[in-house]
Amino acid sequence: MRNVVSISLPSPILKKLKKEAKEEGASRSEIIKRSLSRYFFSHDLAKARNRAVSELAGKGTVLTDEDVFKAVS
């Protein structure tokens, strides 16, 4: 299902968005969708890492970002 969302962007960001879309041959919507997907992935990974670190706090266990990535993949 496709939904339409309106957003306001400062002029410098809109200018950069238009430039990137033109250079990549993609729509502005596609650039925004990719950006949001990356943001959510990064945010989810950070939340998972923080949960894991909290659970292991005081146990002397050290987690790397790779350990967390493997756990959530």
C-alpha atoms as a PDB file:
ATOM      1  CA  MET A   1       0.000   0.000   0.000  1.00  0.00           C
ATOM      2  CA  ARG A   2       1.319   3.407  -0.916  1.00  0.00           C
ATOM      3  CA  ASN A   3       0.837   6.400   1.366  1.00  0.00           C
ATOM      4  CA  VAL A   4       1.621  10.019   0.690  1.00  0.00           C
ATOM      5  CA  VAL A   5       3.402  12.059   3.349  1.00  0.00           C
ATOM      6  CA  SER A   6       4.132  15.769   3.100  1.00  0.00           C
ATOM      7  CA  ILE A   7       7.270  17.111   4.729  1.00  0.00           C
ATOM      8  CA  SER A   8       8.902  20.515   5.002  1.00  0.00           C
ATOM      9  CA  LEU A   9      12.624  20.741   4.341  1.00  0.00           C
ATOM     10  CA  PRO A  10      15.006  23.634   4.767  1.00  0.00           C
ATOM     11  CA  SER A  11      16.159  24.998   1.400  1.00  0.00           C
ATOM     12  CA  PRO A  12      19.750  23.670   1.662  1.00  0.00           C
ATOM     13  CA  ILE A  13      18.512  20.118   2.329  1.00  0.00           C
ATOM     14  CA  LEU A  14      15.979  20.271  -0.504  1.00  0.00           C
ATOM     15  CA  LYS A  15      18.669  21.558  -2.850  1.00  0.00           C
ATOM     16  CA  LYS A  16      20.968  18.684  -1.905  1.00  0.00           C
ATOM     17  CA  LEU A  17      18.111  16.172  -2.235  1.00  0.00           C
ATOM     18  CA  LYS A  18      17.335  17.405  -5.753  1.00  0.00           C
ATOM     19  CA  LYS A  19      21.023  17.270  -6.719  1.00  0.00           C
ATOM     20  CA  GLU A  20      21.494  13.720  -5.372  1.00  0.00           C
ATOM     21  CA  ALA A  21      18.309  12.492  -7.037  1.00  0.00           C
ATOM     22  CA  LYS A  22      19.415  13.907 -10.377  1.00  0.00           C
ATOM     23  CA  GLU A  23      22.929  12.455 -10.065  1.00  0.00           C
ATOM     24  CA  GLU A  24      21.587   9.008  -9.153  1.00  0.00           C
ATOM     25  CA  GLY A  25      18.725   9.062 -11.636  1.00  0.00           C
ATOM     26  CA  ALA A  26      16.307   8.416  -8.776  1.00  0.00           C
ATOM     27  CA  SER A  27      13.235  10.249  -7.574  1.00  0.00           C
ATOM     28  CA  ARG A  28      13.338  12.394  -4.471  1.00  0.00           C
ATOM     29  CA  SER A  29      10.903   9.933  -2.904  1.00  0.00           C
ATOM     30  CA  GLU A  30      13.297   7.055  -3.548  1.00  0.00           C
ATOM     31  CA  ILE A  31      16.196   8.936  -1.923  1.00  0.00           C
ATOM     32  CA  ILE A  32      14.022   9.709   1.113  1.00  0.00           C
ATOM     33  CA  LYS A  33      12.800   6.081   1.345  1.00  0.00           C
ATOM     34  CA  ARG A  34      16.386   4.794   1.266  1.00  0.00           C
ATOM     35  CA  SER A  35      17.456   7.358   3.836  1.00  0.00           C
ATOM     36  CA  LEU A  36      14.647   6.394   6.191  1.00  0.00           C
ATOM     37  CA  SER A  37      15.400   2.686   5.765  1.00  0.00           C
ATOM     38  CA  ARG A  38      19.040   3.304   6.690  1.00  0.00           C
ATOM     39  CA  TYR A  39      17.994   5.453   9.639  1.00  0.00           C
ATOM     40  CA  PHE A  40      15.629   2.789  10.990  1.00  0.00           C
ATOM     41  CA  PHE A  41      18.228   0.041  10.546  1.00  0.00           C
ATOM     42  CA  SER A  42      20.867   2.098  12.354  1.00  0.00           C
ATOM     43  CA  HIS A  43      18.426   3.113  15.091  1.00  0.00           C
ATOM     44  CA  ASP A  44      17.242  -0.476  15.636  1.00  0.00           C
ATOM     45  CA  LEU A  45      20.839  -1.687  15.795  1.00  0.00           C
ATOM     46  CA  ALA A  46      21.721   0.981  18.368  1.00  0.00           C
ATOM     47  CA  LYS A  47      18.678   0.059  20.486  1.00  0.00           C
ATOM     48  CA  ALA A  48      19.609  -3.642  20.339  1.00  0.00           C
ATOM     49  CA  ARG A  49      23.188  -2.836  21.306  1.00  0.00           C
ATOM     50  CA  ASN A  50      22.060  -0.688  24.232  1.00  0.00           C
ATOM     51  CA  ARG A  51      19.733  -3.451  25.467  1.00  0.00           C
ATOM     52  CA  ALA A  52      22.497  -6.040  25.211  1.00  0.00           C
ATOM     53  CA  VAL A  53      25.009  -3.813  26.983  1.00  0.00           C
ATOM     54  CA  SER A  54      22.487  -3.100  29.759  1.00  0.00           C
ATOM     55  CA  GLU A  55      21.753  -6.800  30.207  1.00  0.00           C
ATOM     56  CA  LEU A  56      25.445  -7.661  30.368  1.00  0.00           C
ATOM     57  CA  ALA A  57      26.510  -4.725  32.527  1.00  0.00           C
ATOM     58  CA  GLY A  58      28.566  -5.899  35.459  1.00  0.00           C
ATOM     59  CA  LYS A  59      29.086  -9.387  34.028  1.00  0.00           C
ATOM     60  CA  GLY A  60      32.421  -8.524  32.455  1.00  0.00           C
ATOM     61  CA  THR A  61      31.189  -9.409  28.976  1.00  0.00           C
ATOM     62  CA  VAL A  62      32.257  -7.174  26.127  1.00  0.00           C
ATOM     63  CA  LEU A  63      30.139  -6.944  22.987  1.00  0.00           C
ATOM     64  CA  THR A  64      31.319  -5.596  19.684  1.00  0.00           C
ATOM     65  CA  ASP A  65      29.015  -4.021  17.123  1.00  0.00           C
ATOM     66  CA  GLU A  66      29.595  -7.135  15.031  1.00  0.00           C
ATOM     67  CA  ASP A  67      28.257  -9.336  17.886  1.00  0.00           C
ATOM     68  CA  VAL A  68      25.108  -7.228  18.060  1.00  0.00           C
ATOM     69  CA  PHE A  69      24.700  -7.200  14.265  1.00  0.00           C
ATOM     70  CA  LYS A  70      24.916 -11.007  14.182  1.00  0.00           C
ATOM     71  CA  ALA A  71      22.345 -11.271  16.982  1.00  0.00           C
ATOM     72  CA  VAL A  72      19.785  -9.077  15.237  1.00  0.00           C
ATOM     73  CA  SER A  73      20.346 -10.306  11.677  1.00  0.00           C
END
